[in-house]
């Protein structure tokens, strides 16, 4: 029959205090325990979502300069990526607007020519 519970062989184990440094105050021990718990939570759940994103364009517009400077200081790489994304989007909007303007100008020119031709043909006819 196999052993279900194994006990260490040899002498008695020495008793160890729960906290390595028993001279620490209760508050210090509680603070250390809370830090350990937060570290375990980060390991389990990953970092906070705030670390993944920078402000949206709307929040950037609504923020005052001091708030933006603080955010940029916290993560300049994310701020730079956000600026690059905004510039890329702005360029896309400019290109779309230029294409739309060209389409509208062409439609305006053709329609004006057709109206002129129709009016002239009605006068002659």
N, C-alpha and C. Protein backbone atom coordinates (compact mmCIF):
# COMPACT_ATOMS: atom_id res chain seq x y z
N UNK A 1 0.84 -1.17 0.00
CA UNK A 1 0.00 0.00 0.00
C UNK A 1 0.89 1.24 0.00
N UNK A 2 0.52 2.23 -0.77
CA UNK A 2 1.32 3.45 -0.90
C UNK A 2 1.05 4.39 0.26
N UNK A 3 2.08 5.15 0.56
CA UNK A 3 1.92 6.15 1.62
C UNK A 3 1.01 7.26 1.17
N UNK A 4 0.04 7.60 1.98
CA UNK A 4 -0.86 8.69 1.64
C UNK A 4 -0.26 10.01 2.07
N UNK A 5 0.28 10.06 3.26
CA UNK A 5 0.89 11.28 3.78
C UNK A 5 2.31 10.96 4.16
N UNK A 6 3.23 11.76 3.66
CA UNK A 6 4.63 11.56 4.00
C UNK A 6 5.10 12.62 4.97
N UNK A 7 5.75 12.19 6.02
CA UNK A 7 6.31 13.12 6.99
C UNK A 7 7.82 13.15 6.82
N UNK A 8 8.43 14.32 7.04
CA UNK A 8 9.89 14.37 6.91
C UNK A 8 10.54 13.49 7.96
N UNK A 9 11.59 12.84 7.56
CA UNK A 9 12.31 11.97 8.49
C UNK A 9 13.35 12.81 9.22
N UNK A 10 13.62 12.45 10.38
CA UNK A 10 14.63 13.17 11.14
C UNK A 10 14.00 13.89 12.31
N UNK A 11 14.70 14.91 12.78
CA UNK A 11 14.29 15.63 13.98
C UNK A 11 13.11 16.54 13.74
N UNK A 12 12.73 17.21 14.79
CA UNK A 12 11.61 18.13 14.73
C UNK A 12 11.99 19.36 13.89
N UNK A 13 10.99 19.90 13.22
CA UNK A 13 11.24 21.13 12.47
C UNK A 13 11.26 22.30 13.43
N UNK A 14 12.09 23.26 13.13
CA UNK A 14 12.14 24.43 14.00
C UNK A 14 11.00 25.37 13.62
N UNK A 15 10.43 25.97 14.62
CA UNK A 15 9.35 26.92 14.39
C UNK A 15 9.92 28.20 13.79
N UNK A 16 9.24 28.72 12.77
CA UNK A 16 9.67 29.97 12.13
C UNK A 16 8.59 31.01 12.33
N UNK A 17 8.96 32.26 12.57
CA UNK A 17 7.93 33.29 12.69
C UNK A 17 7.25 33.51 11.34
N UNK A 18 6.02 33.98 11.36
CA UNK A 18 5.28 34.24 10.14
C UNK A 18 5.96 35.32 9.31
N UNK A 19 6.42 36.37 9.95
CA UNK A 19 7.12 37.44 9.27
C UNK A 19 8.59 37.33 9.58
N UNK A 20 9.41 37.46 8.54
CA UNK A 20 10.84 37.30 8.73
C UNK A 20 11.40 38.29 9.73
N UNK A 21 10.93 39.51 9.68
CA UNK A 21 11.44 40.52 10.59
C UNK A 21 10.33 40.85 11.60
N UNK A 22 10.39 40.21 12.74
CA UNK A 22 9.32 40.40 13.71
C UNK A 22 9.39 41.77 14.39
N UNK A 23 10.43 42.55 14.11
CA UNK A 23 10.55 43.88 14.70
C UNK A 23 9.75 44.92 13.93
N UNK A 24 9.23 44.55 12.76
CA UNK A 24 8.46 45.50 11.97
C UNK A 24 7.14 45.79 12.67
N UNK A 25 6.68 47.00 12.48
CA UNK A 25 5.40 47.38 13.08
C UNK A 25 4.26 46.69 12.32
N UNK A 26 3.12 46.69 12.94
CA UNK A 26 1.95 46.09 12.32
C UNK A 26 1.63 46.76 11.00
N UNK A 27 1.73 48.10 10.94
CA UNK A 27 1.43 48.84 9.73
C UNK A 27 2.40 48.48 8.60
N UNK A 28 3.67 48.32 8.95
CA UNK A 28 4.67 47.95 7.94
C UNK A 28 4.37 46.56 7.38
N UNK A 29 4.01 45.64 8.29
CA UNK A 29 3.69 44.28 7.82
C UNK A 29 2.45 44.28 6.94
N UNK A 30 1.43 45.08 7.32
CA UNK A 30 0.21 45.14 6.53
C UNK A 30 0.48 45.79 5.17
N UNK A 31 1.32 46.83 5.15
CA UNK A 31 1.67 47.49 3.91
C UNK A 31 2.42 46.52 2.99
N UNK A 32 3.35 45.75 3.55
CA UNK A 32 4.09 44.77 2.76
C UNK A 32 3.16 43.70 2.21
N UNK A 33 2.20 43.26 3.03
CA UNK A 33 1.23 42.26 2.58
C UNK A 33 0.37 42.81 1.45
N UNK A 34 -0.04 44.08 1.57
CA UNK A 34 -0.85 44.70 0.52
C UNK A 34 -0.05 44.84 -0.77
N UNK A 35 1.24 45.19 -0.67
CA UNK A 35 2.10 45.28 -1.84
C UNK A 35 2.21 43.92 -2.53
N UNK A 36 2.38 42.88 -1.73
CA UNK A 36 2.47 41.53 -2.29
C UNK A 36 1.17 41.14 -2.99
N UNK A 37 0.05 41.50 -2.40
CA UNK A 37 -1.26 41.19 -3.00
C UNK A 37 -1.43 41.92 -4.33
N UNK A 38 -1.03 43.21 -4.37
CA UNK A 38 -1.12 43.96 -5.62
C UNK A 38 -0.22 43.34 -6.69
N UNK A 39 0.96 42.90 -6.28
CA UNK A 39 1.87 42.27 -7.24
C UNK A 39 1.26 40.98 -7.78
N UNK A 40 0.64 40.20 -6.90
CA UNK A 40 -0.02 38.96 -7.36
C UNK A 40 -1.18 39.29 -8.30
N UNK A 41 -1.95 40.34 -7.98
CA UNK A 41 -3.06 40.74 -8.84
C UNK A 41 -2.55 41.15 -10.22
N UNK A 42 -1.47 41.93 -10.27
CA UNK A 42 -0.91 42.35 -11.56
C UNK A 42 -0.44 41.14 -12.34
N UNK A 43 0.15 40.18 -11.64
CA UNK A 43 0.64 38.99 -12.32
C UNK A 43 -0.53 38.18 -12.85
N UNK A 44 -1.59 38.07 -12.07
CA UNK A 44 -2.77 37.31 -12.47
C UNK A 44 -3.57 38.01 -13.56
N UNK A 45 -3.86 39.27 -13.35
CA UNK A 45 -4.77 40.01 -14.21
C UNK A 45 -4.08 40.86 -15.26
N UNK A 46 -2.78 40.95 -15.22
CA UNK A 46 -2.06 41.79 -16.15
C UNK A 46 -2.10 43.24 -15.70
N UNK A 47 -1.42 44.11 -16.42
CA UNK A 47 -1.38 45.51 -16.02
C UNK A 47 -2.73 46.19 -16.19
N UNK A 48 -2.87 47.31 -15.56
CA UNK A 48 -4.08 48.10 -15.62
C UNK A 48 -4.29 48.58 -17.06
N UNK A 49 -5.55 48.69 -17.50
CA UNK A 49 -5.84 49.13 -18.86
C UNK A 49 -5.32 50.54 -19.13
N UNK A 50 -5.19 51.35 -18.09
CA UNK A 50 -4.68 52.71 -18.30
C UNK A 50 -3.27 52.68 -18.89
N UNK A 51 -2.54 51.62 -18.64
CA UNK A 51 -1.19 51.53 -19.18
C UNK A 51 -1.19 51.19 -20.65
N UNK A 52 -2.33 50.77 -21.22
CA UNK A 52 -2.37 50.36 -22.61
C UNK A 52 -2.77 51.48 -23.57
N UNK A 53 -3.51 52.45 -23.10
CA UNK A 53 -4.06 53.45 -24.00
C UNK A 53 -3.69 54.87 -23.58
N UNK A 54 -3.68 55.75 -24.56
CA UNK A 54 -3.52 57.17 -24.30
C UNK A 54 -4.90 57.79 -24.47
N UNK A 55 -5.07 59.04 -24.12
CA UNK A 55 -6.36 59.70 -24.24
C UNK A 55 -6.89 59.63 -25.67
N UNK A 56 -8.21 59.62 -25.79
CA UNK A 56 -8.84 59.67 -27.12
C UNK A 56 -8.67 61.08 -27.67
N UNK A 57 -8.94 61.23 -28.97
CA UNK A 57 -8.82 62.57 -29.59
C UNK A 57 -9.75 63.55 -28.90
N UNK A 58 -10.96 63.11 -28.59
CA UNK A 58 -11.93 63.99 -27.93
C UNK A 58 -11.41 64.43 -26.55
N UNK A 59 -10.85 63.48 -25.79
CA UNK A 59 -10.33 63.83 -24.46
C UNK A 59 -9.09 64.70 -24.55
N UNK A 60 -8.32 64.54 -25.61
CA UNK A 60 -7.16 65.41 -25.80
C UNK A 60 -7.62 66.84 -26.02
N UNK A 61 -8.65 67.02 -26.85
CA UNK A 61 -9.18 68.36 -27.13
C UNK A 61 -9.76 68.98 -25.86
N UNK A 62 -10.44 68.16 -25.05
CA UNK A 62 -11.09 68.69 -23.84
C UNK A 62 -10.11 68.93 -22.69
N UNK A 63 -8.95 68.29 -22.71
CA UNK A 63 -7.99 68.41 -21.61
C UNK A 63 -7.27 69.76 -21.63
N UNK A 64 -6.87 70.20 -20.44
CA UNK A 64 -6.05 71.41 -20.41
C UNK A 64 -4.59 71.02 -20.59
N UNK A 65 -3.76 72.01 -20.79
CA UNK A 65 -2.35 71.76 -21.11
C UNK A 65 -1.63 71.01 -19.99
N UNK A 66 -1.91 71.35 -18.74
CA UNK A 66 -1.24 70.70 -17.61
C UNK A 66 -1.54 69.20 -17.57
N UNK A 67 -2.80 68.83 -17.84
CA UNK A 67 -3.16 67.41 -17.84
C UNK A 67 -2.43 66.66 -18.95
N UNK A 68 -2.37 67.28 -20.13
CA UNK A 68 -1.68 66.63 -21.25
C UNK A 68 -0.19 66.47 -20.98
N UNK A 69 0.41 67.51 -20.42
CA UNK A 69 1.85 67.43 -20.10
C UNK A 69 2.09 66.31 -19.10
N UNK A 70 1.22 66.19 -18.09
CA UNK A 70 1.35 65.11 -17.10
C UNK A 70 1.26 63.74 -17.78
N UNK A 71 0.27 63.58 -18.67
CA UNK A 71 0.09 62.30 -19.36
C UNK A 71 1.30 61.97 -20.24
N UNK A 72 1.82 62.99 -20.92
CA UNK A 72 2.98 62.76 -21.78
C UNK A 72 4.19 62.37 -20.95
N UNK A 73 4.35 63.00 -19.79
CA UNK A 73 5.47 62.64 -18.92
C UNK A 73 5.35 61.20 -18.43
N UNK A 74 4.12 60.74 -18.19
CA UNK A 74 3.93 59.36 -17.72
C UNK A 74 4.32 58.35 -18.79
N UNK A 75 4.02 58.64 -20.05
CA UNK A 75 4.35 57.70 -21.12
C UNK A 75 4.56 58.43 -22.44
N UNK A 76 5.77 58.98 -22.64
CA UNK A 76 6.03 59.74 -23.87
C UNK A 76 5.93 58.89 -25.14
N UNK A 77 6.23 57.59 -25.05
CA UNK A 77 6.14 56.74 -26.23
C UNK A 77 4.70 56.62 -26.72
N UNK A 78 3.77 56.45 -25.80
CA UNK A 78 2.36 56.35 -26.18
C UNK A 78 1.86 57.68 -26.74
N UNK A 79 2.32 58.77 -26.16
CA UNK A 79 1.92 60.09 -26.67
C UNK A 79 2.43 60.28 -28.10
N UNK A 80 3.65 59.86 -28.35
CA UNK A 80 4.22 59.98 -29.70
C UNK A 80 3.46 59.10 -30.68
N UNK A 81 3.09 57.89 -30.26
CA UNK A 81 2.31 57.00 -31.13
C UNK A 81 0.94 57.61 -31.42
N UNK A 82 0.33 58.23 -30.41
CA UNK A 82 -0.97 58.87 -30.60
C UNK A 82 -0.85 60.02 -31.59
N UNK A 83 0.20 60.82 -31.45
CA UNK A 83 0.43 61.94 -32.37
C UNK A 83 0.61 61.43 -33.80
N UNK A 84 1.35 60.36 -33.97
CA UNK A 84 1.56 59.77 -35.29
C UNK A 84 0.23 59.29 -35.87
N UNK A 85 -0.60 58.65 -35.04
CA UNK A 85 -1.90 58.17 -35.49
C UNK A 85 -2.81 59.33 -35.89
N UNK A 86 -2.77 60.42 -35.12
CA UNK A 86 -3.59 61.60 -35.44
C UNK A 86 -3.14 62.20 -36.77
N UNK A 87 -1.84 62.31 -36.95
CA UNK A 87 -1.32 62.87 -38.21
C UNK A 87 -1.69 61.99 -39.41
N UNK A 88 -1.60 60.67 -39.21
CA UNK A 88 -1.97 59.74 -40.28
C UNK A 88 -3.46 59.88 -40.63
N UNK A 89 -4.30 59.98 -39.61
CA UNK A 89 -5.74 60.16 -39.83
C UNK A 89 -6.03 61.50 -40.50
N UNK A 90 -5.34 62.56 -40.08
CA UNK A 90 -5.51 63.87 -40.69
C UNK A 90 -5.15 63.82 -42.17
N UNK A 91 -4.07 63.15 -42.50
CA UNK A 91 -3.67 63.02 -43.91
C UNK A 91 -4.73 62.27 -44.70
N UNK A 92 -5.29 61.23 -44.11
CA UNK A 92 -6.36 60.49 -44.79
C UNK A 92 -7.60 61.34 -45.01
N UNK A 93 -7.95 62.14 -44.02
CA UNK A 93 -9.12 63.02 -44.16
C UNK A 93 -8.86 64.05 -45.25
N UNK A 94 -7.65 64.60 -45.30
CA UNK A 94 -7.30 65.58 -46.34
C UNK A 94 -7.41 64.95 -47.72
N UNK A 95 -6.91 63.73 -47.86
CA UNK A 95 -6.97 63.04 -49.16
C UNK A 95 -8.42 62.74 -49.55
N UNK A 96 -9.22 62.30 -48.58
CA UNK A 96 -10.64 62.04 -48.86
C UNK A 96 -11.36 63.32 -49.25
N UNK A 97 -11.05 64.41 -48.54
CA UNK A 97 -11.69 65.70 -48.86
C UNK A 97 -11.29 66.17 -50.26
N UNK A 98 -10.03 65.98 -50.63
CA UNK A 98 -9.57 66.39 -51.96
C UNK A 98 -10.27 65.57 -53.04
N UNK A 99 -10.42 64.27 -52.80
CA UNK A 99 -11.12 63.43 -53.77
C UNK A 99 -12.59 63.84 -53.88
N UNK A 100 -13.22 64.13 -52.75
CA UNK A 100 -14.62 64.56 -52.74
C UNK A 100 -14.77 65.90 -53.47
N UNK A 101 -13.84 66.82 -53.25
CA UNK A 101 -13.88 68.12 -53.93
C UNK A 101 -13.75 67.94 -55.43
N UNK A 102 -12.85 67.07 -55.87
CA UNK A 102 -12.67 66.82 -57.30
C UNK A 102 -13.94 66.24 -57.90
N UNK A 103 -14.56 65.30 -57.19
CA UNK A 103 -15.80 64.70 -57.66
C UNK A 103 -16.91 65.75 -57.78
N UNK A 104 -17.03 66.59 -56.76
CA UNK A 104 -18.06 67.63 -56.77
C UNK A 104 -17.81 68.65 -57.88
N UNK A 105 -16.55 69.04 -58.10
CA UNK A 105 -16.23 69.99 -59.17
C UNK A 105 -16.57 69.42 -60.54
N UNK A 106 -16.24 68.14 -60.73
CA UNK A 106 -16.55 67.49 -62.01
C UNK A 106 -18.07 67.42 -62.21
N UNK A 107 -18.79 67.03 -61.16
CA UNK A 107 -20.26 66.95 -61.26
C UNK A 107 -20.85 68.33 -61.53
N UNK A 108 -20.33 69.36 -60.85
CA UNK A 108 -20.82 70.73 -61.06
C UNK A 108 -20.61 71.18 -62.49
N UNK A 109 -19.40 70.93 -63.02
CA UNK A 109 -19.07 71.35 -64.38
C UNK A 109 -19.97 70.65 -65.40
N UNK A 110 -20.15 69.35 -65.27
CA UNK A 110 -20.96 68.59 -66.21
C UNK A 110 -22.43 69.00 -66.13
N UNK A 111 -22.93 69.17 -64.91
CA UNK A 111 -24.33 69.55 -64.76
C UNK A 111 -24.58 70.96 -65.27
N UNK A 112 -23.67 71.87 -65.01
CA UNK A 112 -23.81 73.24 -65.53
C UNK A 112 -23.80 73.23 -67.05
N UNK A 113 -22.94 72.44 -67.66
CA UNK A 113 -22.88 72.34 -69.13
C UNK A 113 -24.17 71.74 -69.67
N UNK A 114 -24.70 70.72 -69.01
CA UNK A 114 -25.94 70.10 -69.46
C UNK A 114 -27.11 71.07 -69.34
N UNK A 115 -27.17 71.84 -68.27
CA UNK A 115 -28.24 72.83 -68.09
C UNK A 115 -28.15 73.90 -69.17
N UNK A 116 -26.94 74.36 -69.43
CA UNK A 116 -26.73 75.38 -70.47
C UNK A 116 -27.16 74.83 -71.82
N UNK A 117 -26.76 73.61 -72.13
CA UNK A 117 -27.12 73.01 -73.42
C UNK A 117 -28.64 72.83 -73.52
N UNK A 118 -29.26 72.41 -72.43
CA UNK A 118 -30.72 72.21 -72.46
C UNK A 118 -31.44 73.54 -72.64
N UNK A 119 -31.00 74.58 -71.97
CA UNK A 119 -31.64 75.89 -72.11
C UNK A 119 -31.47 76.44 -73.53
N UNK A 120 -30.29 76.27 -74.09
CA UNK A 120 -30.04 76.74 -75.46
C UNK A 120 -30.90 75.98 -76.46
N UNK A 121 -31.04 74.68 -76.26
CA UNK A 121 -31.83 73.88 -77.20
C UNK A 121 -33.31 74.22 -77.07
N UNK A 122 -33.77 74.61 -75.87
CA UNK A 122 -35.17 74.98 -75.69
C UNK A 122 -35.47 76.31 -76.35
N UNK A 123 -34.52 77.23 -76.37
CA UNK A 123 -34.69 78.56 -77.00
C UNK A 123 -34.74 78.41 -78.52
N UNK A 124 -33.90 77.52 -79.02
CA UNK A 124 -33.81 77.33 -80.47
C UNK A 124 -35.00 76.54 -81.00
N UNK A 125 -35.55 75.76 -80.19
CA UNK A 125 -36.59 74.86 -80.64
C UNK A 125 -37.94 75.37 -80.58
